[in-house]
């Protein structure tokens, strides 16, 4: 059975929890230049089965050429407590517009990807374990690097098998950020299987290390992910 782990080092407290993420992601290819990506996600703790978050996200991207595209999007989150000792069931909404640039380069069987994203994060205010009026606000800057290697690909039916690995770092900004300019770092690896063209399944593991607002407390998530990717082409 998964367990919580606590580590106390030089006044710092690290809480480690196992988490499962499930997601469905859909890409609508509108033209050779424009595409819309939408996904829904459910996340829960494996130690007690409680929900951690759920989200819906959508963005539209434009192909700039030379392996670059740019996009804008919006996410709606509901997040429950990350404190393992809390009995609260309060779900706190977050509204998150964002902008991004993506670069993708292919070298035979290897694909290298870079994502640069700026988020504007609006968290609903709370008091005494209740939602109150208004939102707190901060920026977050994210950079993600992904390495992908093709193990197998069929030219007949589109079947393929790929391995992925990468890292993402996130930095907070804004007047409300005092002790946690560093937000988190995520290291991940995954196996992606595509049985037919435009549909793939992915299983993976991510280690997410996050600094909390106190600056002294940290969350470490051992995250197990299952994702479905579906691409639909709407033009000839």
Foldseek 3Di string as FASTA:
>chain_A
DWDWDWDADPLFIEIEFEKEKEKEKEWEAADPFKIKIKMWMWMATPVPGHTAKIKIKMKMWTDPDPQKIKMKIKMWMWGDDPDPPDPAPHTKIKIKIKIKMKGWDDDPFKIKIKMWMKIWIWIFDDDPSHTDDGTDIKMKIKIKIKIKGWPDADPPFGWTKMKMWIKMWMAIGDPLQDQPRGFKMKTKIKIWTDPGPFKIKMWIWMWIWGQDRVNRYIYIYTYIYIYITGYDYDDD
